[in-house]
Amino acid sequence: MDKQDKLLDKVSSKTHVSKQDILSLASDLQTKDLNNDENIKEFVNKISKMTNKQVKPEQMNKIINIIKNNQVPTDIDKFV
């Protein structure tokens, strides 16, 4: 099992989202213009539904700003 599979397993077990859904989200994200607020909202809402977690408007605004300002952490291992 390579590092990517281990990471996917870890994320899947913590979020209760299947590896296939995670890969589908990643693929979808690659086609989105992340400078567009609506694209970001759509993507976050998709994740919200998959994880059964509500995203409050102030959280959504914070997420949009983080993404648009390219402040997304690159070392995902720290968060999983």
C-alpha atoms as a PDB file:
ATOM      1  CA  MET A   1       0.000   0.000   0.000  1.00  0.00           C
ATOM      2  CA  ASP A   2       1.534   3.324  -1.026  1.00  0.00           C
ATOM      3  CA  LYS A   3       1.420   6.647   0.796  1.00  0.00           C
ATOM      4  CA  GLN A   4      -1.575   7.892  -1.221  1.00  0.00           C
ATOM      5  CA  ASP A   5      -3.634   4.802  -0.340  1.00  0.00           C
ATOM      6  CA  LYS A   6      -2.753   5.163   3.335  1.00  0.00           C
ATOM      7  CA  LEU A   7      -3.779   8.811   3.278  1.00  0.00           C
ATOM      8  CA  LEU A   8      -7.049   8.006   1.513  1.00  0.00           C
ATOM      9  CA  ASP A   9      -7.783   5.260   4.040  1.00  0.00           C
ATOM     10  CA  LYS A  10      -7.086   7.648   6.903  1.00  0.00           C
ATOM     11  CA  VAL A  11      -9.288  10.413   5.465  1.00  0.00           C
ATOM     12  CA  SER A  12     -12.029   7.923   4.627  1.00  0.00           C
ATOM     13  CA  SER A  13     -12.083   6.462   8.128  1.00  0.00           C
ATOM     14  CA  LYS A  14     -12.180   9.884   9.795  1.00  0.00           C
ATOM     15  CA  THR A  15     -14.792  11.417   7.496  1.00  0.00           C
ATOM     16  CA  HIS A  16     -16.857   8.319   6.696  1.00  0.00           C
ATOM     17  CA  VAL A  17     -16.623   9.253   3.025  1.00  0.00           C
ATOM     18  CA  SER A  18     -15.629   6.463   0.643  1.00  0.00           C
ATOM     19  CA  LYS A  19     -12.270   6.543  -1.111  1.00  0.00           C
ATOM     20  CA  GLN A  20     -14.133   6.594  -4.424  1.00  0.00           C
ATOM     21  CA  ASP A  21     -16.077   9.707  -3.353  1.00  0.00           C
ATOM     22  CA  ILE A  22     -12.859  11.382  -2.186  1.00  0.00           C
ATOM     23  CA  LEU A  23     -11.218  10.691  -5.550  1.00  0.00           C
ATOM     24  CA  SER A  24     -14.334  11.953  -7.329  1.00  0.00           C
ATOM     25  CA  LEU A  25     -14.200  15.185  -5.293  1.00  0.00           C
ATOM     26  CA  ALA A  26     -10.519  15.616  -6.108  1.00  0.00           C
ATOM     27  CA  SER A  27     -11.210  15.106  -9.798  1.00  0.00           C
ATOM     28  CA  ASP A  28     -14.101  17.571  -9.674  1.00  0.00           C
ATOM     29  CA  LEU A  29     -11.933  20.121  -7.900  1.00  0.00           C
ATOM     30  CA  GLN A  30      -9.349  20.033 -10.684  1.00  0.00           C
ATOM     31  CA  THR A  31     -11.940  21.302 -13.175  1.00  0.00           C
ATOM     32  CA  LYS A  32     -13.201  24.194 -11.020  1.00  0.00           C
ATOM     33  CA  ASP A  33     -12.160  27.827 -11.197  1.00  0.00           C
ATOM     34  CA  LEU A  34     -11.231  28.411  -7.560  1.00  0.00           C
ATOM     35  CA  ASN A  35     -11.358  32.166  -7.995  1.00  0.00           C
ATOM     36  CA  ASN A  36     -15.118  31.898  -8.392  1.00  0.00           C
ATOM     37  CA  ASP A  37     -17.065  32.079  -5.111  1.00  0.00           C
ATOM     38  CA  GLU A  38     -19.962  30.035  -6.482  1.00  0.00           C
ATOM     39  CA  ASN A  39     -17.669  27.187  -7.528  1.00  0.00           C
ATOM     40  CA  ILE A  40     -16.128  27.104  -4.064  1.00  0.00           C
ATOM     41  CA  LYS A  41     -19.544  27.202  -2.360  1.00  0.00           C
ATOM     42  CA  GLU A  42     -20.800  24.381  -4.579  1.00  0.00           C
ATOM     43  CA  PHE A  43     -17.764  22.257  -3.767  1.00  0.00           C
ATOM     44  CA  VAL A  44     -17.945  22.926  -0.008  1.00  0.00           C
ATOM     45  CA  ASN A  45     -21.677  22.186   0.005  1.00  0.00           C
ATOM     46  CA  LYS A  46     -21.012  18.889  -1.763  1.00  0.00           C
ATOM     47  CA  ILE A  47     -18.518  17.924   0.944  1.00  0.00           C
ATOM     48  CA  SER A  48     -20.911  19.142   3.623  1.00  0.00           C
ATOM     49  CA  LYS A  49     -23.649  16.821   2.365  1.00  0.00           C
ATOM     50  CA  MET A  50     -21.279  13.851   2.135  1.00  0.00           C
ATOM     51  CA  THR A  51     -20.069  14.319   5.699  1.00  0.00           C
ATOM     52  CA  ASN A  52     -23.398  15.416   7.179  1.00  0.00           C
ATOM     53  CA  LYS A  53     -21.729  18.539   8.565  1.00  0.00           C
ATOM     54  CA  GLN A  54     -23.374  21.921   8.346  1.00  0.00           C
ATOM     55  CA  VAL A  55     -21.283  24.869   7.181  1.00  0.00           C
ATOM     56  CA  LYS A  56     -22.374  28.170   8.669  1.00  0.00           C
ATOM     57  CA  PRO A  57     -22.261  31.293   6.480  1.00  0.00           C
ATOM     58  CA  GLU A  58     -19.315  32.741   8.419  1.00  0.00           C
ATOM     59  CA  GLN A  59     -17.431  29.435   8.006  1.00  0.00           C
ATOM     60  CA  MET A  60     -18.186  29.453   4.285  1.00  0.00           C
ATOM     61  CA  ASN A  61     -16.811  32.985   3.959  1.00  0.00           C
ATOM     62  CA  LYS A  62     -13.662  31.970   5.816  1.00  0.00           C
ATOM     63  CA  ILE A  63     -13.201  28.903   3.569  1.00  0.00           C
ATOM     64  CA  ILE A  64     -13.708  31.008   0.428  1.00  0.00           C
ATOM     65  CA  ASN A  65     -11.111  33.542   1.596  1.00  0.00           C
ATOM     66  CA  ILE A  66      -8.591  30.826   2.478  1.00  0.00           C
ATOM     67  CA  ILE A  67      -8.968  29.198  -0.938  1.00  0.00           C
ATOM     68  CA  LYS A  68      -8.960  32.426  -2.943  1.00  0.00           C
ATOM     69  CA  ASN A  69      -5.895  33.705  -1.076  1.00  0.00           C
ATOM     70  CA  ASN A  70      -4.085  30.411  -1.642  1.00  0.00           C
ATOM     71  CA  GLN A  71      -3.694  29.771   2.086  1.00  0.00           C
ATOM     72  CA  VAL A  72      -4.688  26.106   1.986  1.00  0.00           C
ATOM     73  CA  PRO A  73      -2.150  24.011   3.928  1.00  0.00           C
ATOM     74  CA  THR A  74      -0.135  21.750   1.651  1.00  0.00           C
ATOM     75  CA  ASP A  75       0.734  19.127   4.277  1.00  0.00           C
ATOM     76  CA  ILE A  76      -2.605  17.364   4.693  1.00  0.00           C
ATOM     77  CA  ASP A  77      -0.996  14.651   6.855  1.00  0.00           C
ATOM     78  CA  LYS A  78      -0.957  17.091   9.772  1.00  0.00           C
ATOM     79  CA  PHE A  79      -4.738  17.377   9.685  1.00  0.00           C
ATOM     80  CA  VAL A  80      -5.641  13.721   9.330  1.00  0.00           C
END
